[in-house]
Amino acid sequence: MSTPKTTMAGPVNLTLPEGDPNPVAGCRQCLGVAVTRANARSVGDYSKATDTNVVLRTHLREDHGAE
């Protein structure tokens, strides 16, 4: 019997994560999400900070036409 292969064939190439989306100046909703993100980070809640990035990206795409 042959021994099953337990390693991958080659290296895994990962990219750096995207940076934080920037709020649009003058938009109250953008500002609110950015403040929530800053507050989450200040108490070490990085899961919530990541969630707010998703919310902000969705808002930017839907309300500001960002891609």
Protein backbone atom coordinates (compact mmCIF):
# COMPACT_ATOMS: atom_id res chain seq x y z
CA MET A 1 0.00 0.00 0.00
CA SER A 2 1.12 3.52 -0.65
CA THR A 3 1.30 6.18 2.01
CA PRO A 4 -1.33 8.91 1.57
CA LYS A 5 0.02 12.38 0.80
CA THR A 6 -0.46 14.72 3.77
CA THR A 7 1.16 17.89 2.49
CA MET A 8 0.22 20.42 -0.16
CA ALA A 9 1.91 20.47 -3.53
CA GLY A 10 3.22 24.01 -3.33
CA PRO A 11 3.21 27.19 -1.28
CA VAL A 12 0.04 29.11 -0.55
CA ASN A 13 0.22 32.70 -1.73
CA LEU A 14 -1.91 35.09 0.28
CA THR A 15 -2.55 38.76 -0.35
CA LEU A 16 -2.67 41.48 2.23
CA PRO A 17 -6.14 42.33 3.51
CA GLU A 18 -7.83 45.40 2.10
CA GLY A 19 -7.38 48.61 4.04
CA ASP A 20 -10.23 50.28 5.87
CA PRO A 21 -12.75 52.04 3.65
CA ASN A 22 -12.81 55.80 4.06
CA PRO A 23 -16.04 57.61 4.92
CA VAL A 24 -17.32 60.25 2.49
CA ALA A 25 -16.89 63.76 3.86
CA GLY A 26 -20.20 65.29 4.88
CA CYS A 27 -22.14 62.00 5.01
CA ARG A 28 -23.64 61.43 8.45
CA GLN A 29 -24.13 57.71 7.90
CA CYS A 30 -20.48 57.25 6.86
CA LEU A 31 -19.37 59.20 9.91
CA GLY A 32 -21.56 57.13 12.22
CA VAL A 33 -20.12 53.87 10.93
CA ALA A 34 -16.55 55.21 11.15
CA VAL A 35 -17.14 56.28 14.78
CA THR A 36 -18.57 52.84 15.60
CA ARG A 37 -15.48 51.25 14.04
CA ALA A 38 -13.13 53.49 16.04
CA ASN A 39 -15.00 52.73 19.27
CA ALA A 40 -14.89 48.99 18.60
CA ARG A 41 -11.13 49.11 18.02
CA SER A 42 -10.58 51.21 21.13
CA VAL A 43 -11.99 48.41 23.29
CA GLY A 44 -10.30 45.62 21.33
CA ASP A 45 -13.45 44.38 19.55
CA TYR A 46 -11.81 43.70 16.19
CA SER A 47 -14.67 41.47 15.07
CA LYS A 48 -17.07 44.40 15.33
CA ALA A 49 -14.55 46.68 13.64
CA THR A 50 -14.41 44.24 10.71
CA ASP A 51 -18.20 44.09 10.60
CA THR A 52 -18.39 47.88 10.42
CA ASN A 53 -16.00 47.82 7.46
CA VAL A 54 -18.46 45.53 5.67
CA VAL A 55 -21.32 47.89 6.52
CA LEU A 56 -19.35 50.91 5.32
CA ARG A 57 -18.29 49.23 2.06
CA THR A 58 -21.92 48.29 1.38
CA HIS A 59 -23.08 51.83 2.14
CA LEU A 60 -20.36 53.33 -0.08
CA ARG A 61 -21.33 51.05 -2.96
CA GLU A 62 -25.09 51.48 -2.64
CA ASP A 63 -25.36 55.15 -1.67
CA HIS A 64 -22.22 56.72 -3.11
CA GLY A 65 -21.63 54.55 -6.19
CA ALA A 66 -18.22 53.36 -5.05
CA GLU A 67 -16.94 50.06 -6.37
